[in-house]
Each structure stands twice: as structure tokens, then as C-alpha cells.
N, C-alpha and C. Protein backbone atom coordinates (compact mmCIF):
# COMPACT_ATOMS: atom_id res chain seq x y z
N MET A 1 35.79 -15.23 34.31
CA MET A 1 35.89 -16.77 33.29
C MET A 1 36.74 -16.83 32.03
N PRO A 2 38.13 -17.12 31.65
CA PRO A 2 38.16 -17.13 30.37
C PRO A 2 37.86 -17.28 29.66
N LYS A 3 37.14 -17.27 28.83
CA LYS A 3 36.53 -17.74 26.66
C LYS A 3 37.63 -19.04 26.49
N PRO A 4 37.06 -19.55 26.53
CA PRO A 4 37.84 -20.40 25.15
C PRO A 4 37.87 -19.65 23.18
N ARG A 5 39.21 -19.72 23.18
CA ARG A 5 39.30 -18.59 21.78
C ARG A 5 39.61 -19.34 20.52
N HIS A 6 38.65 -18.69 19.55
CA HIS A 6 38.80 -19.86 18.27
C HIS A 6 40.38 -19.55 17.33
N CYS A 7 40.83 -20.33 16.37
CA CYS A 7 42.38 -20.56 16.05
C CYS A 7 41.33 -19.67 14.68
N SER A 8 43.10 -18.48 13.92
CA SER A 8 42.57 -17.15 13.37
C SER A 8 42.61 -18.20 12.43
N PHE A 9 43.10 -19.16 12.05
CA PHE A 9 43.57 -20.18 10.63
C PHE A 9 42.50 -20.62 10.78
N CYS A 10 42.86 -22.00 11.55
CA CYS A 10 41.87 -22.52 11.44
C CYS A 10 41.21 -23.03 11.76
N GLY A 11 40.27 -22.52 12.62
CA GLY A 11 38.92 -22.46 13.70
C GLY A 11 38.45 -23.41 15.32
N ASN A 12 39.50 -24.12 14.82
CA ASN A 12 39.84 -24.94 16.07
C ASN A 12 39.20 -24.06 17.28
N GLU A 13 38.51 -24.89 18.48
CA GLU A 13 38.51 -23.64 19.57
C GLU A 13 39.68 -24.57 20.71
N PHE A 14 40.33 -23.36 21.29
CA PHE A 14 41.22 -23.53 22.04
C PHE A 14 40.92 -23.52 23.39
N PRO A 15 41.80 -24.44 24.59
CA PRO A 15 41.46 -23.88 26.18
C PRO A 15 42.19 -22.81 26.26
N PRO A 16 41.85 -21.42 27.02
CA PRO A 16 42.90 -20.30 27.61
C PRO A 16 43.82 -20.70 28.48
N GLY A 17 45.36 -20.24 28.37
CA GLY A 17 45.86 -20.42 28.68
C GLY A 17 47.00 -21.19 28.36
N THR A 18 45.99 -21.21 26.79
CA THR A 18 47.15 -22.22 26.08
C THR A 18 47.39 -20.54 24.30
N GLY A 19 48.26 -21.95 23.53
CA GLY A 19 47.98 -20.66 21.42
C GLY A 19 48.55 -19.62 21.93
N ILE A 20 49.02 -18.76 20.62
CA ILE A 20 49.55 -18.18 20.95
C ILE A 20 49.21 -16.70 19.31
N MET A 21 49.15 -15.23 20.65
CA MET A 21 48.44 -14.10 20.34
C MET A 21 49.36 -13.40 20.13
N TYR A 22 49.28 -13.31 18.52
CA TYR A 22 50.08 -12.96 17.21
C TYR A 22 49.70 -11.78 17.17
N VAL A 23 50.40 -10.56 17.05
CA VAL A 23 50.35 -9.04 17.05
C VAL A 23 50.57 -8.36 16.19
N LYS A 24 49.88 -7.87 14.63
CA LYS A 24 50.65 -7.16 13.84
C LYS A 24 50.70 -5.94 13.63
N ASN A 25 51.61 -5.24 12.94
CA ASN A 25 52.05 -4.11 13.09
C ASN A 25 50.64 -2.68 13.60
N ASP A 26 49.67 -3.00 12.68
CA ASP A 26 48.90 -2.16 12.46
C ASP A 26 47.30 -2.43 13.61
N GLY A 27 48.37 -3.57 14.76
CA GLY A 27 47.55 -4.03 15.68
C GLY A 27 46.29 -4.69 16.23
N THR A 28 45.72 -5.50 14.89
CA THR A 28 45.43 -6.26 14.69
C THR A 28 46.07 -7.45 15.81
N THR A 29 45.34 -8.64 16.35
CA THR A 29 44.98 -9.43 17.31
C THR A 29 44.70 -11.03 16.20
N LEU A 30 45.90 -11.73 16.46
CA LEU A 30 45.36 -12.70 15.77
C LEU A 30 45.99 -13.64 16.37
N TRP A 31 44.43 -15.36 16.70
CA TRP A 31 45.34 -15.79 18.10
C TRP A 31 45.39 -17.45 16.78
N PHE A 32 46.11 -18.01 17.39
CA PHE A 32 46.60 -19.40 16.56
C PHE A 32 46.45 -20.43 18.00
N CYS A 33 45.89 -21.58 17.47
CA CYS A 33 46.41 -22.82 18.62
C CYS A 33 47.05 -23.49 18.42
N SER A 34 47.78 -23.30 17.61
CA SER A 34 49.71 -24.16 17.54
C SER A 34 50.01 -23.24 16.29
N SER A 35 51.76 -24.02 15.90
CA SER A 35 53.07 -23.00 15.48
C SER A 35 52.28 -23.34 14.08
N LYS A 36 52.14 -24.73 13.65
CA LYS A 36 51.29 -24.72 12.39
C LYS A 36 50.44 -23.97 11.45
N CYS A 37 49.55 -23.46 12.66
CA CYS A 37 48.75 -22.41 12.03
C CYS A 37 49.65 -21.38 12.15
N ARG A 38 49.98 -21.06 12.81
CA ARG A 38 50.55 -19.46 12.86
C ARG A 38 51.63 -19.25 11.70
N LYS A 39 52.63 -20.46 11.18
CA LYS A 39 53.59 -20.35 10.50
C LYS A 39 52.15 -20.56 8.64
N SER A 40 51.72 -21.15 8.51
CA SER A 40 50.87 -21.16 7.79
C SER A 40 50.27 -19.74 7.01
N SER A 41 49.54 -19.18 8.20
CA SER A 41 49.40 -18.12 8.02
C SER A 41 50.46 -17.28 8.17
N THR A 42 51.48 -16.84 8.66
CA THR A 42 52.01 -15.51 8.66
C THR A 42 53.19 -15.84 7.42
N LYS A 43 54.12 -16.99 7.64
CA LYS A 43 55.10 -17.48 7.25
C LYS A 43 54.87 -17.21 5.83
N LEU A 44 54.08 -18.43 5.82
CA LEU A 44 53.50 -19.38 4.25
C LEU A 44 52.25 -18.82 3.36
N LYS A 45 51.93 -17.52 4.13
CA LYS A 45 50.85 -16.88 3.39
C LYS A 45 49.73 -17.80 2.93
N ARG A 46 48.88 -18.93 3.77
CA ARG A 46 47.44 -20.08 2.53
C ARG A 46 46.32 -19.03 3.52
N ASP A 47 46.00 -19.59 2.32
CA ASP A 47 44.56 -19.62 2.33
C ASP A 47 43.52 -20.56 3.20
N SER A 48 43.42 -19.81 4.07
CA SER A 48 42.57 -21.11 5.05
C SER A 48 41.01 -21.71 4.59
N ARG A 49 40.69 -21.30 3.15
CA ARG A 49 39.35 -21.61 2.60
C ARG A 49 40.75 -22.93 1.74
N LYS A 50 42.04 -22.98 1.06
CA LYS A 50 41.97 -23.75 0.52
C LYS A 50 42.60 -24.82 1.14
N VAL A 51 42.94 -25.24 1.96
CA VAL A 51 43.69 -25.84 3.08
C VAL A 51 42.95 -26.81 3.42
N ARG A 52 42.81 -28.30 3.48
CA ARG A 52 41.97 -28.97 3.62
C ARG A 52 42.03 -29.40 4.75
N TRP A 53 42.34 -29.41 6.08
CA TRP A 53 42.31 -29.63 7.30
C TRP A 53 42.12 -28.53 8.21
N THR A 54 41.66 -27.33 7.82
CA THR A 54 40.50 -26.36 8.11
C THR A 54 39.26 -26.72 8.07
N LYS A 55 38.62 -25.89 9.34
CA LYS A 55 37.09 -25.61 9.44
C LYS A 55 37.09 -25.04 8.17
N TYR A 56 37.38 -24.39 7.77
CA TYR A 56 37.18 -22.82 6.82
C TYR A 56 36.90 -23.62 5.36
N PHE A 57 37.44 -25.10 5.09
CA PHE A 57 37.80 -25.01 3.30
C PHE A 57 36.68 -25.12 3.51
N GLY A 58 37.11 -25.27 2.01
CA GLY A 58 35.37 -25.17 0.46
C GLY A 58 34.29 -23.99 0.77
N LYS A 59 34.52 -22.68 2.16
CA LYS A 59 33.70 -22.25 2.20
C LYS A 59 33.94 -20.95 1.58
N GLU A 60 32.62 -20.51 1.12
CA GLU A 60 33.12 -18.59 0.17
C GLU A 60 33.63 -17.95 1.14
N GLU A 61 33.82 -16.76 0.34
CA GLU A 61 33.77 -15.55 1.06
C GLU A 61 32.97 -15.01 1.30
N ARG A 62 33.02 -14.15 2.60
CA ARG A 62 31.61 -12.94 2.66
C ARG A 62 31.22 -11.92 2.31
N GLY A 63 29.81 -11.48 1.76
CA GLY A 63 29.70 -11.05 1.09
C GLY A 63 29.73 -11.12 -0.41
N LYS A 64 29.83 -12.63 -0.98
CA LYS A 64 29.66 -12.36 -2.13
C LYS A 64 28.73 -13.90 -2.57
N ALA A 65 27.64 -13.26 -3.40
CA ALA A 65 26.16 -13.56 -3.37
C ALA A 65 26.52 -14.92 -4.79
């Protein structure tokens, strides 16, 4: 049974069979729920913690005290 994926940019869960799998040149795989998330992350280089409509908005970076 396929598992639902989480968007690499906004953090929303989306059903299997939908979304976009983006593979970078170094082999890293990113999953996006929409072209809005894909473009914000890859083309516009936005930080998901600074964009209000994401689930990561206002979160601290990991490893910082």
C-alpha cells in the first residue's frame, strides 16, 4: 500500500499518485504537492520558514538552541 507523501516545501500531506518528484543533480529527491511549491523552492529559492502559507512558518532551525 503506497504511503502518503509530505511536501518538501510546505509540509502538507498529499495522496499517492499526485504531486511532483524532483531529483537534483546530486541525487537528492524532493517531493512537491504543487507547482507553486516547486517553483518557490527551486526557481525562487524561498525559505519555507519565511513564507506564511507553509506549515514550517516561524519554526526554528534544527540544532540551534
